Amino acid sequence: MKDTLHLFNPGNTTSIGKYAVILFFTLFPCTIPTLYADDQSPTPDLFIESKTDYNSANCVIQGTDPEQDKERTEIGVGETVNLELKGKRLGEVTRVTWKIVPDGNGASVKAIKDNVKKAVLTANQNSTEDSNATVEVTTNIDSSLNPSGPRQKTFQIRVPSNIKGKHSGMRVAGYPQDETRIYPEHQLNLS
């Protein structure tokens, strides 16, 4: 009986103290670790966030997450991507310059007039081969933040090698219907 715990025995203050500490940390487990979470965040001071205007064909066909798909860096010819400078020290930025490096590699970038912290990247629709486009952004606080150089984000521009369409078998309402049945396995292949 010596090993038996008597919680409500007034002479057993050591056991009650142990359980009080365990109960406290059970009820408040995140109090101490999250106290300084803002200061330890791995988020860089400034970074480029990108979102395409449209989802990729793979996203539509495979049914993947549309919002996550828009964050991709692999884009098609003629596709546009909305860019935004974000980060902890964004409030200190008063001057922003967007450009493609090296110049003339299948894409262009244009800053938004009303908000220079935003820009639009457009992949050249006349590209005949795959290429990369690196967007570079410089700000008035770069020398104090990032002495090694401006922020960059690289996009892979893909030229389609073929187009494959598959009929769903569904008819679009409001259009004339013919008497021929179209089967879902009918496909259109263009090269």
Protein backbone atom coordinates (compact mmCIF):
# COMPACT_ATOMS: atom_id res chain seq x y z
CA MET A 1 0.00 0.00 0.00
CA LYS A 2 3.00 2.24 0.16
CA ASP A 3 2.86 2.86 -3.65
CA THR A 4 -0.82 3.88 -3.59
CA LEU A 5 -1.47 7.51 -4.46
CA HIS A 6 -3.77 9.41 -2.11
CA LEU A 7 -4.76 12.57 -3.95
CA PHE A 8 -6.99 13.99 -1.29
CA ASN A 9 -4.73 13.25 1.65
CA PRO A 10 -3.76 16.66 3.11
CA GLY A 11 -0.37 15.28 4.11
CA ASN A 12 0.44 14.29 0.51
CA THR A 13 1.28 17.74 -0.95
CA THR A 14 3.98 16.39 -3.27
CA SER A 15 1.53 14.28 -5.31
CA ILE A 16 -0.99 17.11 -5.51
CA GLY A 17 1.74 19.47 -6.73
CA LYS A 18 2.74 17.04 -9.49
CA TYR A 19 -0.83 16.72 -10.69
CA ALA A 20 -1.38 20.48 -10.53
CA VAL A 21 1.60 21.02 -12.85
CA ILE A 22 0.43 18.27 -15.23
CA LEU A 23 -3.10 19.68 -15.24
CA PHE A 24 -1.79 23.21 -15.95
CA PHE A 25 0.28 22.12 -18.97
CA THR A 26 -2.57 19.94 -20.23
CA LEU A 27 -4.96 22.89 -20.23
CA PHE A 28 -2.45 25.44 -21.59
CA PRO A 29 -0.04 23.48 -23.85
CA CYS A 30 0.73 26.25 -26.36
CA THR A 31 1.26 29.18 -24.04
CA ILE A 32 5.04 29.07 -23.83
CA PRO A 33 6.04 27.91 -27.37
CA THR A 34 3.86 30.48 -29.19
CA LEU A 35 4.87 33.42 -27.02
CA TYR A 36 7.53 34.58 -29.52
CA ALA A 37 6.18 32.98 -32.71
CA ASP A 38 6.04 36.29 -34.64
CA ASP A 39 9.75 36.95 -34.15
CA GLN A 40 10.77 33.42 -35.20
CA SER A 41 8.68 33.26 -38.40
CA PRO A 42 10.63 31.95 -41.43
CA THR A 43 8.71 34.30 -43.77
CA PRO A 44 11.16 36.48 -45.69
CA ASP A 45 11.00 40.26 -45.44
CA LEU A 46 9.79 40.60 -49.04
CA PHE A 47 8.82 37.97 -51.64
CA ILE A 48 6.93 37.64 -54.94
CA GLU A 49 3.53 35.94 -54.81
CA SER A 50 2.03 34.77 -58.11
CA LYS A 51 -1.37 33.57 -59.32
CA THR A 52 -2.36 32.64 -62.85
CA ASP A 53 -5.63 33.98 -64.26
CA TYR A 54 -6.89 30.51 -65.20
CA ASN A 55 -6.43 26.96 -64.03
CA SER A 56 -4.33 24.54 -66.04
CA ALA A 57 -5.93 21.84 -68.19
CA ASN A 58 -4.50 19.22 -65.83
CA CYS A 59 -6.33 20.82 -62.90
CA VAL A 60 -9.64 20.79 -64.76
CA ILE A 61 -9.24 17.22 -66.03
CA GLN A 62 -7.87 15.70 -62.83
CA GLY A 63 -10.05 17.76 -60.48
CA THR A 64 -7.18 19.03 -58.30
CA ASP A 65 -7.38 22.06 -56.00
CA PRO A 66 -8.03 25.13 -58.23
CA GLU A 67 -6.49 27.68 -55.85
CA GLN A 68 -3.31 25.67 -55.41
CA ASP A 69 -3.09 25.17 -59.19
CA LYS A 70 -3.12 28.94 -59.78
CA GLU A 71 0.09 29.25 -57.71
CA ARG A 72 2.07 27.14 -60.21
CA THR A 73 5.19 28.46 -61.95
CA GLU A 74 4.81 26.30 -65.08
CA ILE A 75 2.70 28.30 -67.54
CA GLY A 76 1.64 28.05 -71.17
CA VAL A 77 2.26 30.38 -74.11
CA GLY A 78 0.07 33.49 -73.96
CA GLU A 79 -0.83 32.89 -70.31
CA THR A 80 -0.94 35.77 -67.83
CA VAL A 81 0.17 35.68 -64.19
CA ASN A 82 -0.71 38.26 -61.53
CA LEU A 83 2.32 39.14 -59.41
CA GLU A 84 2.37 40.87 -56.04
CA LEU A 85 5.20 41.91 -53.77
CA LYS A 86 4.45 40.76 -50.23
CA GLY A 87 6.21 40.45 -46.90
CA LYS A 88 6.77 41.85 -43.43
CA ARG A 89 8.38 45.14 -44.49
CA LEU A 90 6.01 45.98 -47.35
CA GLY A 91 4.90 49.18 -45.57
CA GLU A 92 8.41 50.61 -45.98
CA VAL A 93 8.45 50.11 -49.77
CA THR A 94 7.77 53.28 -51.77
CA ARG A 95 9.49 52.47 -55.09
CA VAL A 96 9.28 49.19 -57.03
CA THR A 97 10.77 48.17 -60.39
CA TRP A 98 9.63 44.98 -62.17
CA LYS A 99 11.60 43.44 -65.05
CA ILE A 100 12.41 40.17 -66.83
CA VAL A 101 16.02 38.95 -66.67
CA PRO A 102 17.70 38.29 -69.00
CA ASP A 103 15.71 40.55 -71.28
CA GLY A 104 13.63 39.21 -74.17
CA ASN A 105 13.21 35.54 -73.28
CA GLY A 106 9.59 34.92 -74.21
CA ALA A 107 7.70 37.03 -71.65
CA SER A 108 7.00 40.59 -70.56
CA VAL A 109 6.08 42.16 -67.22
CA LYS A 110 4.11 45.34 -66.64
CA ALA A 111 3.49 47.10 -63.31
CA ILE A 112 -0.07 48.02 -62.36
CA LYS A 113 -0.42 51.84 -62.44
CA ASP A 114 -2.61 52.13 -59.33
CA ASN A 115 -0.42 49.82 -57.23
CA VAL A 116 3.28 49.46 -58.14
CA LYS A 117 3.56 46.53 -55.72
CA LYS A 118 1.55 44.51 -58.27
CA ALA A 119 2.40 43.52 -61.84
CA VAL A 120 1.25 41.22 -64.64
CA LEU A 121 3.54 38.71 -66.36
CA THR A 122 2.50 37.70 -69.90
CA ALA A 123 4.11 34.76 -71.70
CA ASN A 124 4.71 35.45 -75.39
CA GLN A 125 1.97 33.76 -77.42
CA ASN A 126 4.27 33.36 -80.45
CA SER A 127 6.90 31.24 -78.67
CA THR A 128 7.95 28.14 -80.60
CA GLU A 129 10.05 26.44 -77.91
CA ASP A 130 10.02 26.02 -74.14
CA SER A 131 11.82 28.73 -72.17
CA ASN A 132 12.23 30.25 -68.72
CA ALA A 133 11.30 33.77 -67.63
CA THR A 134 12.75 35.16 -64.40
CA VAL A 135 10.88 38.08 -62.88
CA GLU A 136 13.08 40.41 -60.86
CA VAL A 137 11.77 43.08 -58.50
CA THR A 138 13.88 45.80 -56.91
CA THR A 139 12.72 48.23 -54.21
CA ASN A 140 13.95 51.28 -52.38
CA ILE A 141 14.85 49.17 -49.30
CA ASP A 142 16.85 46.45 -51.09
CA SER A 143 20.28 47.58 -49.89
CA SER A 144 19.28 47.29 -46.23
CA LEU A 145 17.34 44.03 -46.65
CA ASN A 146 19.08 41.98 -49.25
CA PRO A 147 22.60 43.09 -50.14
CA SER A 148 23.04 40.02 -52.38
CA GLY A 149 20.48 41.31 -54.89
CA PRO A 150 16.79 41.79 -55.73
CA ARG A 151 14.03 39.22 -55.33
CA GLN A 152 13.44 36.83 -58.22
CA LYS A 153 10.90 34.21 -59.27
CA THR A 154 11.34 31.94 -62.29
CA PHE A 155 8.52 30.67 -64.50
CA GLN A 156 8.78 27.82 -67.01
CA ILE A 157 6.95 28.66 -70.25
CA ARG A 158 5.74 25.53 -72.04
CA VAL A 159 4.79 25.29 -75.72
CA PRO A 160 2.22 22.55 -76.39
CA SER A 161 3.48 19.68 -78.51
CA ASN A 162 -0.04 18.42 -79.31
CA ILE A 163 -3.64 19.04 -78.37
CA LYS A 164 -5.94 16.24 -77.33
CA GLY A 165 -9.64 16.73 -76.76
CA LYS A 166 -12.10 14.23 -75.35
CA HIS A 167 -15.84 14.67 -75.77
CA SER A 168 -17.72 14.35 -72.50
CA GLY A 169 -20.86 13.06 -74.18
CA MET A 170 -22.86 15.97 -72.78
CA ARG A 171 -24.82 18.30 -75.04
CA VAL A 172 -24.83 22.04 -74.46
CA ALA A 173 -28.34 23.40 -73.90
CA GLY A 174 -29.51 26.09 -76.30
CA TYR A 175 -27.64 24.76 -79.34
CA PRO A 176 -29.28 22.76 -82.15
CA GLN A 177 -29.24 19.03 -81.55
CA ASP A 178 -28.49 16.56 -84.31
CA GLU A 179 -29.62 12.97 -84.53
CA THR A 180 -26.11 11.50 -84.24
CA ARG A 181 -25.07 10.17 -80.87
CA ILE A 182 -21.55 11.25 -79.79
CA TYR A 183 -19.78 8.81 -77.52
CA PRO A 184 -17.40 9.95 -74.74
CA GLU A 185 -14.60 7.83 -76.16
CA HIS A 186 -14.46 9.92 -79.38
CA GLN A 187 -11.29 11.99 -79.32
CA LEU A 188 -9.78 14.81 -81.34
CA ASN A 189 -6.03 14.76 -81.82
CA LEU A 190 -4.13 17.64 -83.40
CA SER A 191 -0.35 17.79 -83.80
